[in-house]
C-alpha atoms as a PDB file:
ATOM      1  CA  MET A   1      71.320 -93.727  63.878  1.00  0.00           C
ATOM      2  CA  ALA A   2      67.941 -92.887  61.268  1.00  0.00           C
ATOM      3  CA  ASN A   3      69.196 -90.407  59.881  1.00  0.00           C
ATOM      4  CA  ILE A   4      72.990 -92.187  58.413  1.00  0.00           C
ATOM      5  CA  ARG A   5      73.097 -92.787  55.304  1.00  0.00           C
ATOM      6  CA  ILE A   6      76.165 -93.687  53.023  1.00  0.00           C
ATOM      7  CA  GLU A   7      76.834 -91.872  49.557  1.00  0.00           C
ATOM      8  CA  ASP A   8      79.583 -92.644  46.327  1.00  0.00           C
ATOM      9  CA  ALA A   9      81.188 -89.676  46.356  1.00  0.00           C
ATOM     10  CA  THR A  10      83.949 -88.144  43.992  1.00  0.00           C
ATOM     11  CA  TRP A  11      87.011 -86.448  45.135  1.00  0.00           C
ATOM     12  CA  PRO A  12      86.289 -83.083  42.633  1.00  0.00           C
ATOM     13  CA  ASP A  13      82.237 -83.240  43.617  1.00  0.00           C
ATOM     14  CA  ASP A  14      83.420 -83.849  47.591  1.00  0.00           C
ATOM     15  CA  GLU A  15      86.553 -83.204  48.213  1.00  0.00           C
ATOM     16  CA  ALA A  16      85.246 -80.979  51.654  1.00  0.00           C
ATOM     17  CA  PRO A  17      83.689 -83.009  53.540  1.00  0.00           C
ATOM     18  CA  LEU A  18      86.422 -86.477  52.480  1.00  0.00           C
ATOM     19  CA  ARG A  19      88.634 -83.585  53.593  1.00  0.00           C
ATOM     20  CA  THR A  20      86.860 -82.964  57.156  1.00  0.00           C
ATOM     21  CA  VAL A  21      86.559 -86.524  57.974  1.00  0.00           C
ATOM     22  CA  ARG A  22      90.014 -87.573  57.303  1.00  0.00           C
ATOM     23  CA  GLN A  23      91.759 -84.211  58.363  1.00  0.00           C
ATOM     24  CA  LYS A  24      90.035 -84.389  61.908  1.00  0.00           C
ATOM     25  CA  VAL A  25      91.496 -88.466  62.783  1.00  0.00           C
ATOM     26  CA  PHE A  26      94.580 -88.961  60.366  1.00  0.00           C
ATOM     27  CA  VAL A  27      96.419 -85.602  60.391  1.00  0.00           C
ATOM     28  CA  GLU A  28      94.804 -83.938  64.243  1.00  0.00           C
ATOM     29  CA  GLU A  29      94.300 -87.232  65.953  1.00  0.00           C
ATOM     30  CA  GLN A  30      96.593 -90.053  64.475  1.00  0.00           C
ATOM     31  CA  SER A  31      99.841 -86.778  63.916  1.00  0.00           C
ATOM     32  CA  ILE A  32      99.705 -88.165  59.940  1.00  0.00           C
ATOM     33  CA  ASP A  33     101.476 -86.117  57.803  1.00  0.00           C
ATOM     34  CA  PRO A  34      99.258 -84.305  55.622  1.00  0.00           C
ATOM     35  CA  ALA A  35     101.802 -84.882  53.030  1.00  0.00           C
ATOM     36  CA  ILE A  36     101.194 -88.780  52.649  1.00  0.00           C
ATOM     37  CA  GLU A  37      97.250 -88.279  54.006  1.00  0.00           C
ATOM     38  CA  TRP A  38      96.669 -86.619  50.433  1.00  0.00           C
ATOM     39  CA  ASP A  39      97.728 -88.714  47.482  1.00  0.00           C
ATOM     40  CA  SER A  40      97.377 -88.190  43.602  1.00  0.00           C
ATOM     41  CA  LEU A  41      95.329 -91.241  44.114  1.00  0.00           C
ATOM     42  CA  GLU A  42      92.565 -89.315  44.760  1.00  0.00           C
ATOM     43  CA  PRO A  43      90.823 -88.179  41.593  1.00  0.00           C
ATOM     44  CA  SER A  44      91.346 -91.729  40.793  1.00  0.00           C
ATOM     45  CA  CYS A  45      89.620 -93.447  43.348  1.00  0.00           C
ATOM     46  CA  GLN A  46      85.823 -93.922  44.316  1.00  0.00           C
ATOM     47  CA  HIS A  47      84.545 -92.220  47.237  1.00  0.00           C
ATOM     48  CA  PHE A  48      82.398 -92.599  50.011  1.00  0.00           C
ATOM     49  CA  ILE A  49      81.472 -90.302  52.178  1.00  0.00           C
ATOM     50  CA  ALA A  50      78.958 -91.704  56.083  1.00  0.00           C
ATOM     51  CA  TYR A  51      76.441 -89.073  57.149  1.00  0.00           C
ATOM     52  CA  ASP A  52      74.642 -87.605  60.080  1.00  0.00           C
ATOM     53  CA  GLY A  53      72.028 -85.868  58.758  1.00  0.00           C
ATOM     54  CA  GLU A  54      74.284 -83.237  56.697  1.00  0.00           C
ATOM     55  CA  ARG A  55      77.664 -83.749  58.852  1.00  0.00           C
ATOM     56  CA  PRO A  56      80.458 -86.056  57.501  1.00  0.00           C
ATOM     57  CA  ILE A  57      80.971 -88.818  59.651  1.00  0.00           C
ATOM     58  CA  ALA A  58      83.387 -91.224  57.664  1.00  0.00           C
ATOM     59  CA  THR A  59      84.946 -91.995  54.760  1.00  0.00           C
ATOM     60  CA  GLY A  60      86.582 -94.601  52.553  1.00  0.00           C
ATOM     61  CA  ARG A  61      88.133 -94.839  48.982  1.00  0.00           C
ATOM     62  CA  LEU A  62      88.487 -97.885  46.649  1.00  0.00           C
ATOM     63  CA  SER A  63      91.502 -97.927  44.089  1.00  0.00           C
ATOM     64  CA  PRO A  64      91.084 -98.684  40.467  1.00  0.00           C
ATOM     65  CA  ALA A  65      92.825-101.517  41.384  1.00  0.00           C
ATOM     66  CA  GLY A  66      90.850-102.850  44.898  1.00  0.00           C
ATOM     67  CA  LYS A  67      92.265-101.575  47.167  1.00  0.00           C
ATOM     68  CA  ILE A  68      90.588-100.210  50.144  1.00  0.00           C
ATOM     69  CA  GLY A  69      91.965 -97.143  52.040  1.00  0.00           C
ATOM     70  CA  ARG A  70      90.916 -93.906  53.999  1.00  0.00           C
ATOM     71  CA  MET A  71      88.543 -95.721  56.295  1.00  0.00           C
ATOM     72  CA  ALA A  72      88.016 -93.429  58.918  1.00  0.00           C
ATOM     73  CA  VAL A  73      85.541 -92.470  61.690  1.00  0.00           C
ATOM     74  CA  LEU A  74      85.099 -89.655  63.735  1.00  0.00           C
ATOM     75  CA  PRO A  75      85.800 -90.716  68.053  1.00  0.00           C
ATOM     76  CA  GLN A  76      82.817 -89.826  68.987  1.00  0.00           C
ATOM     77  CA  TYR A  77      80.643 -92.618  65.867  1.00  0.00           C
ATOM     78  CA  ARG A  78      83.082 -95.516  66.562  1.00  0.00           C
ATOM     79  CA  GLY A  79      81.326 -98.432  68.152  1.00  0.00           C
ATOM     80  CA  SER A  80      77.914 -97.191  66.495  1.00  0.00           C
ATOM     81  CA  GLY A  81      78.378-100.259  63.379  1.00  0.00           C
ATOM     82  CA  ILE A  82      78.824 -97.251  61.006  1.00  0.00           C
ATOM     83  CA  GLY A  83      82.513 -99.182  59.725  1.00  0.00           C
ATOM     84  CA  ARG A  84      81.187-101.304  59.298  1.00  0.00           C
ATOM     85  CA  ARG A  85      77.866-100.719  56.836  1.00  0.00           C
ATOM     86  CA  ILE A  86      80.794 -98.654  55.080  1.00  0.00           C
ATOM     87  CA  LEU A  87      83.082-101.098  54.752  1.00  0.00           C
ATOM     88  CA  ASP A  88      80.480-103.373  53.581  1.00  0.00           C
ATOM     89  CA  HIS A  89      79.069-100.254  50.513  1.00  0.00           C
ATOM     90  CA  ILE A  90      82.355-100.294  49.647  1.00  0.00           C
ATOM     91  CA  CYS A  91      82.514-103.766  49.281  1.00  0.00           C
ATOM     92  CA  ASP A  92      79.067-104.056  47.787  1.00  0.00           C
ATOM     93  CA  PHE A  93      80.115-100.972  45.407  1.00  0.00           C
ATOM     94  CA  ALA A  94      82.769-103.514  44.507  1.00  0.00           C
ATOM     95  CA  ARG A  95      81.495-105.896  43.460  1.00  0.00           C
ATOM     96  CA  GLU A  96      79.098-104.643  41.289  1.00  0.00           C
ATOM     97  CA  HIS A  97      82.153-103.433  39.882  1.00  0.00           C
ATOM     98  CA  GLY A  98      83.479-106.934  38.736  1.00  0.00           C
ATOM     99  CA  HIS A  99      86.274-106.490  41.509  1.00  0.00           C
ATOM    100  CA  ARG A 100      87.297-110.135  42.966  1.00  0.00           C
ATOM    101  CA  GLN A 101      88.850-109.235  45.541  1.00  0.00           C
ATOM    102  CA  VAL A 102      89.551-106.423  47.522  1.00  0.00           C
ATOM    103  CA  HIS A 103      93.069-105.344  49.704  1.00  0.00           C
ATOM    104  CA  LEU A 104      93.891-103.106  52.812  1.00  0.00           C
ATOM    105  CA  HIS A 105      96.947-102.059  54.575  1.00  0.00           C
ATOM    106  CA  ALA A 106      94.632-102.125  58.050  1.00  0.00           C
ATOM    107  CA  GLN A 107      96.428-100.700  61.233  1.00  0.00           C
ATOM    108  CA  SER A 108      97.307-103.591  63.367  1.00  0.00           C
ATOM    109  CA  GLY A 109      94.690-102.121  66.050  1.00  0.00           C
ATOM    110  CA  ALA A 110      92.163-102.798  63.414  1.00  0.00           C
ATOM    111  CA  THR A 111      92.698-106.393  62.263  1.00  0.00           C
ATOM    112  CA  ALA A 112      89.970-107.348  64.004  1.00  0.00           C
ATOM    113  CA  PHE A 113      86.950-105.516  62.501  1.00  0.00           C
ATOM    114  CA  TYR A 114      88.494-106.411  59.479  1.00  0.00           C
ATOM    115  CA  GLU A 115      88.358-110.545  59.902  1.00  0.00           C
ATOM    116  CA  LYS A 116      84.475-110.194  60.689  1.00  0.00           C
ATOM    117  CA  SER A 117      83.918-109.015  57.674  1.00  0.00           C
ATOM    118  CA  GLY A 118      85.581-111.798  56.125  1.00  0.00           C
ATOM    119  CA  PHE A 119      89.530-109.896  55.174  1.00  0.00           C
ATOM    120  CA  GLN A 120      92.309-112.363  56.130  1.00  0.00           C
ATOM    121  CA  ILE A 121      96.017-111.756  56.797  1.00  0.00           C
ATOM    122  CA  ASP A 122      97.844-111.827  53.668  1.00  0.00           C
ATOM    123  CA  GLY A 123     101.115-111.441  54.150  1.00  0.00           C
ATOM    124  CA  PRO A 124     104.449-109.633  57.006  1.00  0.00           C
ATOM    125  CA  GLY A 125     104.040-106.812  58.686  1.00  0.00           C
ATOM    126  CA  PHE A 126     105.066-102.991  58.291  1.00  0.00           C
ATOM    127  CA  VAL A 127     105.739 -99.753  58.771  1.00  0.00           C
ATOM    128  CA  GLU A 128     103.296 -97.373  57.306  1.00  0.00           C
ATOM    129  CA  ALA A 129     102.763 -93.853  57.732  1.00  0.00           C
ATOM    130  CA  GLY A 130     104.222 -94.069  61.308  1.00  0.00           C
ATOM    131  CA  ILE A 131     101.753 -96.932  62.083  1.00  0.00           C
ATOM    132  CA  ASP A 132     102.464-100.641  62.448  1.00  0.00           C
ATOM    133  CA  HIS A 133      99.706-102.033  59.646  1.00  0.00           C
ATOM    134  CA  LEU A 134      99.227-105.927  57.913  1.00  0.00           C
ATOM    135  CA  PRO A 135      98.298-105.955  54.613  1.00  0.00           C
ATOM    136  CA  MET A 136      94.921-107.785  54.031  1.00  0.00           C
ATOM    137  CA  SER A 137      92.383-108.866  51.060  1.00  0.00           C
ATOM    138  CA  ARG A 138      89.111-110.766  51.222  1.00  0.00           C
ATOM    139  CA  GLU A 139      87.178-112.588  48.087  1.00  0.00           C
ATOM    140  CA  LEU A 140      83.884-111.403  46.888  1.00  0.00           C
END
């Protein structure tokens, strides 16, 4: 894990590595329709990429409204702590840029991960992209 770093990214400059991770996790592994995965918010969001050396291994994004999304970690890196590191980085970035709260739609199997970082479920569950989700938020 010594070569792992997290970088702030933009869609115009970093689309290729962002797509690499998200294609693998969301489109291939979770069978999410590419028409849903790639949306019109991409250019307006702040993106984040974790690299192991030169290999992109995890992503996340923050919308201007403070919504965290597109959190993805390649399978072989899950359980390594990189997901927590990128989430903490996104929350720090949000706080530094004036957000008082962040929110997200957590896949139901990932709620414990977010709860460990201070997120709380704040509404009823729903289905998004064919997957059960829960809305969660965290005060910064």
